[in-house]
Structures are given as structure tokens and as C-alpha cells.
N, C-alpha and C. Protein backbone atom coordinates (compact mmCIF):
# COMPACT_ATOMS: atom_id res chain seq x y z
N UNK A 1 -9.18 18.92 7.82
CA UNK A 1 -10.45 19.35 8.39
C UNK A 1 -11.62 18.73 7.63
N UNK A 2 -11.55 18.76 6.30
CA UNK A 2 -12.63 18.20 5.48
C UNK A 2 -12.72 16.70 5.69
N UNK A 3 -11.57 16.03 5.76
CA UNK A 3 -11.56 14.58 5.97
C UNK A 3 -12.21 14.23 7.31
N UNK A 4 -11.91 15.02 8.33
CA UNK A 4 -12.51 14.80 9.65
C UNK A 4 -14.02 14.93 9.57
N UNK A 5 -14.49 15.96 8.90
CA UNK A 5 -15.93 16.18 8.75
C UNK A 5 -16.57 15.02 7.99
N UNK A 6 -15.90 14.50 6.98
CA UNK A 6 -16.43 13.37 6.21
C UNK A 6 -16.55 12.13 7.08
N UNK A 7 -15.53 11.88 7.88
CA UNK A 7 -15.56 10.71 8.77
C UNK A 7 -16.71 10.85 9.78
N UNK A 8 -16.83 12.04 10.37
CA UNK A 8 -17.90 12.28 11.35
C UNK A 8 -19.27 12.12 10.70
N UNK A 9 -19.42 12.62 9.49
CA UNK A 9 -20.71 12.50 8.78
C UNK A 9 -21.02 11.03 8.51
N UNK A 10 -20.01 10.29 8.10
CA UNK A 10 -20.21 8.85 7.83
C UNK A 10 -20.59 8.08 9.09
N UNK A 11 -20.14 8.57 10.23
CA UNK A 11 -20.48 7.93 11.50
C UNK A 11 -21.87 8.32 12.00
N UNK A 12 -22.53 9.22 11.25
CA UNK A 12 -23.90 9.56 11.61
C UNK A 12 -24.07 10.86 12.36
N UNK A 13 -23.01 11.61 12.53
CA UNK A 13 -23.13 12.90 13.21
C UNK A 13 -23.84 13.90 12.30
N UNK A 14 -24.65 14.74 12.90
CA UNK A 14 -25.34 15.78 12.14
C UNK A 14 -24.35 16.90 11.80
N UNK A 15 -24.74 17.73 10.86
CA UNK A 15 -23.90 18.87 10.48
C UNK A 15 -23.66 19.76 11.71
N UNK A 16 -24.68 19.93 12.49
CA UNK A 16 -24.57 20.75 13.71
C UNK A 16 -23.53 20.17 14.68
N UNK A 17 -23.58 18.84 14.88
CA UNK A 17 -22.63 18.19 15.77
C UNK A 17 -21.20 18.28 15.22
N UNK A 18 -21.08 18.12 13.91
CA UNK A 18 -19.77 18.20 13.27
C UNK A 18 -19.19 19.61 13.44
N UNK A 19 -20.02 20.61 13.22
CA UNK A 19 -19.55 21.99 13.42
C UNK A 19 -19.09 22.21 14.85
N UNK A 20 -19.83 21.66 15.79
CA UNK A 20 -19.48 21.81 17.20
C UNK A 20 -18.13 21.16 17.50
N UNK A 21 -17.92 19.96 17.00
CA UNK A 21 -16.66 19.26 17.24
C UNK A 21 -15.50 20.03 16.60
N UNK A 22 -15.69 20.45 15.36
CA UNK A 22 -14.61 21.18 14.67
C UNK A 22 -14.34 22.52 15.33
N UNK A 23 -15.39 23.16 15.80
CA UNK A 23 -15.24 24.45 16.48
C UNK A 23 -14.44 24.27 17.77
N UNK A 24 -14.76 23.24 18.53
CA UNK A 24 -14.02 22.98 19.77
C UNK A 24 -12.56 22.64 19.48
N UNK A 25 -12.35 21.87 18.41
CA UNK A 25 -10.99 21.46 18.07
C UNK A 25 -10.15 22.66 17.63
N UNK A 26 -10.78 23.64 16.98
CA UNK A 26 -10.05 24.81 16.50
C UNK A 26 -9.91 25.91 17.55
N UNK A 27 -10.64 25.80 18.63
CA UNK A 27 -10.65 26.85 19.64
C UNK A 27 -9.25 27.12 20.17
N UNK A 28 -8.93 28.39 20.28
CA UNK A 28 -7.63 28.78 20.82
C UNK A 28 -7.72 29.08 22.32
N UNK A 29 -8.89 28.85 22.89
CA UNK A 29 -9.10 29.10 24.30
C UNK A 29 -8.55 27.93 25.11
N UNK A 30 -7.25 27.90 25.31
CA UNK A 30 -6.60 26.77 25.97
C UNK A 30 -6.78 26.76 27.48
N UNK A 31 -7.31 27.85 28.04
CA UNK A 31 -7.50 27.91 29.49
C UNK A 31 -8.87 27.41 29.91
N UNK A 32 -9.73 27.15 28.97
CA UNK A 32 -11.10 26.73 29.29
C UNK A 32 -11.16 25.19 29.33
N UNK A 33 -11.03 24.64 30.52
CA UNK A 33 -11.01 23.19 30.69
C UNK A 33 -12.35 22.55 30.30
N UNK A 34 -13.42 23.30 30.45
CA UNK A 34 -14.75 22.78 30.10
C UNK A 34 -14.78 22.40 28.61
N UNK A 35 -14.18 23.24 27.77
CA UNK A 35 -14.13 22.95 26.34
C UNK A 35 -13.31 21.70 26.05
N UNK A 36 -12.20 21.57 26.77
CA UNK A 36 -11.35 20.39 26.59
C UNK A 36 -12.10 19.13 26.99
N UNK A 37 -12.80 19.18 28.11
CA UNK A 37 -13.57 18.01 28.56
C UNK A 37 -14.67 17.66 27.56
N UNK A 38 -15.34 18.70 27.06
CA UNK A 38 -16.41 18.47 26.09
C UNK A 38 -15.85 17.85 24.81
N UNK A 39 -14.73 18.37 24.33
CA UNK A 39 -14.12 17.83 23.13
C UNK A 39 -13.69 16.38 23.35
N UNK A 40 -13.10 16.11 24.51
CA UNK A 40 -12.69 14.72 24.81
C UNK A 40 -13.88 13.79 24.86
N UNK A 41 -14.99 14.24 25.43
CA UNK A 41 -16.21 13.43 25.47
C UNK A 41 -16.71 13.13 24.06
N UNK A 42 -16.73 14.16 23.23
CA UNK A 42 -17.21 13.99 21.86
C UNK A 42 -16.28 13.04 21.09
N UNK A 43 -14.99 13.20 21.27
CA UNK A 43 -14.04 12.32 20.58
C UNK A 43 -14.11 10.89 21.11
N UNK A 44 -14.39 10.74 22.38
CA UNK A 44 -14.58 9.41 22.95
C UNK A 44 -15.79 8.73 22.32
N UNK A 45 -16.87 9.49 22.14
CA UNK A 45 -18.05 8.96 21.46
C UNK A 45 -17.71 8.57 20.03
N UNK A 46 -16.90 9.39 19.36
CA UNK A 46 -16.47 9.08 17.98
C UNK A 46 -15.72 7.75 17.97
N UNK A 47 -14.79 7.60 18.90
CA UNK A 47 -13.98 6.38 18.96
C UNK A 47 -14.87 5.15 19.17
N UNK A 48 -15.89 5.29 20.01
CA UNK A 48 -16.81 4.18 20.25
C UNK A 48 -17.60 3.83 18.99
N UNK A 49 -18.06 4.85 18.28
CA UNK A 49 -18.79 4.61 17.04
C UNK A 49 -17.90 3.95 15.99
N UNK A 50 -16.66 4.39 15.91
CA UNK A 50 -15.72 3.79 14.96
C UNK A 50 -15.49 2.32 15.31
N UNK A 51 -15.30 2.04 16.58
CA UNK A 51 -15.08 0.65 17.01
C UNK A 51 -16.28 -0.22 16.66
N UNK A 52 -17.49 0.30 16.85
CA UNK A 52 -18.69 -0.46 16.50
C UNK A 52 -18.76 -0.72 15.01
N UNK A 53 -18.45 0.30 14.23
CA UNK A 53 -18.47 0.18 12.76
C UNK A 53 -17.44 -0.83 12.29
N UNK A 54 -16.24 -0.79 12.85
CA UNK A 54 -15.19 -1.73 12.48
C UNK A 54 -15.62 -3.16 12.81
N UNK A 55 -16.20 -3.33 13.97
CA UNK A 55 -16.67 -4.65 14.39
C UNK A 55 -17.74 -5.19 13.45
N UNK A 56 -18.68 -4.32 13.09
CA UNK A 56 -19.76 -4.72 12.17
C UNK A 56 -19.18 -5.11 10.80
N UNK A 57 -18.27 -4.30 10.28
CA UNK A 57 -17.67 -4.58 8.98
C UNK A 57 -16.82 -5.85 9.01
N UNK A 58 -16.09 -6.07 10.09
CA UNK A 58 -15.26 -7.27 10.21
C UNK A 58 -16.14 -8.52 10.22
N UNK A 59 -17.24 -8.44 10.95
CA UNK A 59 -18.18 -9.56 11.00
C UNK A 59 -18.77 -9.83 9.62
N UNK A 60 -19.14 -8.78 8.92
CA UNK A 60 -19.70 -8.94 7.57
C UNK A 60 -18.67 -9.55 6.63
N UNK A 61 -17.42 -9.11 6.74
CA UNK A 61 -16.35 -9.66 5.89
C UNK A 61 -16.18 -11.15 6.13
N UNK A 62 -16.19 -11.58 7.38
CA UNK A 62 -16.04 -13.00 7.72
C UNK A 62 -17.20 -13.81 7.13
N UNK A 63 -18.41 -13.30 7.30
CA UNK A 63 -19.58 -14.02 6.80
C UNK A 63 -19.60 -14.10 5.28
N UNK A 64 -19.23 -13.01 4.62
CA UNK A 64 -19.20 -13.00 3.15
C UNK A 64 -18.10 -13.93 2.64
N UNK A 65 -16.94 -13.92 3.27
CA UNK A 65 -15.85 -14.82 2.86
C UNK A 65 -16.26 -16.28 3.01
N UNK A 66 -16.91 -16.60 4.12
CA UNK A 66 -17.37 -17.97 4.35
C UNK A 66 -18.41 -18.37 3.30
N UNK A 67 -19.28 -17.45 2.98
CA UNK A 67 -20.31 -17.73 1.98
C UNK A 67 -19.70 -17.93 0.59
N UNK A 68 -18.71 -17.13 0.25
CA UNK A 68 -18.03 -17.30 -1.04
C UNK A 68 -17.34 -18.65 -1.12
N UNK A 69 -16.71 -19.04 -0.02
CA UNK A 69 -16.05 -20.35 -0.01
C UNK A 69 -17.07 -21.48 -0.11
N UNK A 70 -18.16 -21.34 0.60
CA UNK A 70 -19.21 -22.35 0.62
C UNK A 70 -19.87 -22.51 -0.76
N UNK A 71 -19.91 -21.44 -1.52
CA UNK A 71 -20.60 -21.47 -2.81
C UNK A 71 -19.64 -21.44 -4.00
N UNK A 72 -18.37 -21.75 -3.76
CA UNK A 72 -17.40 -21.67 -4.85
C UNK A 72 -17.69 -22.64 -5.99
N UNK A 73 -18.37 -23.73 -5.72
CA UNK A 73 -18.69 -24.70 -6.77
C UNK A 73 -19.92 -24.30 -7.57
N UNK A 74 -20.61 -23.26 -7.16
CA UNK A 74 -21.83 -22.83 -7.85
C UNK A 74 -21.53 -22.37 -9.29
N UNK A 75 -20.36 -21.80 -9.52
CA UNK A 75 -20.00 -21.30 -10.84
C UNK A 75 -20.11 -22.39 -11.90
N UNK A 76 -19.61 -23.58 -11.59
CA UNK A 76 -19.60 -24.66 -12.58
C UNK A 76 -20.73 -25.65 -12.42
N UNK A 77 -21.68 -25.34 -11.57
CA UNK A 77 -22.80 -26.25 -11.30
C UNK A 77 -23.72 -26.34 -12.50
N UNK A 78 -24.13 -27.55 -12.83
CA UNK A 78 -25.03 -27.77 -13.96
C UNK A 78 -26.47 -28.04 -13.52
N UNK A 79 -26.74 -27.93 -12.23
CA UNK A 79 -28.09 -28.22 -11.73
C UNK A 79 -29.09 -27.26 -12.36
N UNK A 80 -30.26 -27.77 -12.74
CA UNK A 80 -31.28 -26.90 -13.35
C UNK A 80 -31.94 -25.96 -12.34
N UNK A 81 -31.85 -26.30 -11.06
CA UNK A 81 -32.51 -25.51 -10.02
C UNK A 81 -31.58 -25.33 -8.83
N UNK A 82 -31.23 -24.12 -8.53
CA UNK A 82 -30.30 -23.83 -7.43
C UNK A 82 -30.90 -24.14 -6.05
N UNK A 83 -32.20 -24.19 -5.96
CA UNK A 83 -32.84 -24.42 -4.66
C UNK A 83 -32.52 -25.79 -4.09
N UNK A 84 -32.16 -26.74 -4.93
CA UNK A 84 -31.93 -28.11 -4.46
C UNK A 84 -30.75 -28.23 -3.50
N UNK A 85 -29.73 -27.38 -3.63
CA UNK A 85 -28.57 -27.51 -2.73
C UNK A 85 -28.72 -26.65 -1.47
N UNK A 86 -29.65 -25.74 -1.45
CA UNK A 86 -29.89 -24.93 -0.25
C UNK A 86 -28.98 -23.72 -0.10
N UNK A 87 -28.05 -23.52 -1.00
CA UNK A 87 -27.11 -22.41 -0.88
C UNK A 87 -27.67 -21.11 -1.44
N UNK A 88 -28.69 -21.22 -2.26
CA UNK A 88 -29.25 -20.04 -2.91
C UNK A 88 -29.78 -19.02 -1.91
N UNK A 89 -30.51 -19.49 -0.90
CA UNK A 89 -31.08 -18.58 0.10
C UNK A 89 -29.98 -17.80 0.81
N UNK A 90 -28.93 -18.50 1.22
CA UNK A 90 -27.82 -17.83 1.91
C UNK A 90 -27.14 -16.83 1.00
N UNK A 91 -26.94 -17.22 -0.26
CA UNK A 91 -26.27 -16.34 -1.20
C UNK A 91 -27.07 -15.08 -1.44
N UNK A 92 -28.37 -15.21 -1.53
CA UNK A 92 -29.22 -14.04 -1.80
C UNK A 92 -29.32 -13.11 -0.60
N UNK A 93 -29.12 -13.60 0.60
CA UNK A 93 -29.13 -12.73 1.78
C UNK A 93 -27.72 -12.30 2.15
N UNK A 94 -26.75 -12.72 1.34
CA UNK A 94 -25.33 -12.45 1.57
C UNK A 94 -24.85 -13.07 2.87
N UNK A 95 -25.65 -13.97 3.43
CA UNK A 95 -25.23 -14.64 4.66
C UNK A 95 -25.13 -13.73 5.85
N UNK A 96 -25.64 -12.53 5.75
CA UNK A 96 -25.50 -11.55 6.83
C UNK A 96 -26.67 -11.54 7.80
N UNK A 97 -27.73 -12.20 7.43
CA UNK A 97 -28.92 -12.14 8.26
C UNK A 97 -28.93 -13.21 9.34
N UNK A 98 -28.00 -14.15 9.27
CA UNK A 98 -27.99 -15.23 10.27
C UNK A 98 -27.20 -14.86 11.48
């Protein structure tokens, strides 16, 4: 239950919304189809938010990995000024802004 609340909070749900979801999930009123539909709608929204978050994180991982590969020679570089190679700007923005 606590783990579920943590995940919902991380996805941006308010405490009120989390309580509502958990309350519906715990409800023993199995004959009330309205509650089931409402819970399914809320969980569907959760699944969509999770998918968006996964997509965003996957994209960030790809960009960061590419940037690390692109700048792997920076460690041993003896240049007095990093601006000359043009990689500094990308590295400082983590390559995520492009």
C-alpha cells in the first residue's frame, strides 16, 4: 500500500487523489460497478503517466549516453580552453535540451 502511494506521489498525484485511489482499491463494495469503472479510469491514467515517464527517461538515457561517448576524450584533453572543440556547451546542458 505504501509503495503504491509512493509511486502515485512520484507521478504527481495529490494526496487527495492518492487517498481516493487507495480507498477505491480497498473497497469491499464489489457490487458497485461505478466504483470499479472509476478505479479502472484512475489506473488507466496512472498507466499513461508511467508510460510518459518511462519514455522521457529512456530518451534522456540515450542522449546522456551519446554525450558521454562523444566527450570520452575530454578526460585526457590538454587544450587550455574547452570552448574550442564545441563539446562544452552540450556537456553543460547534459545534451537534453536539443
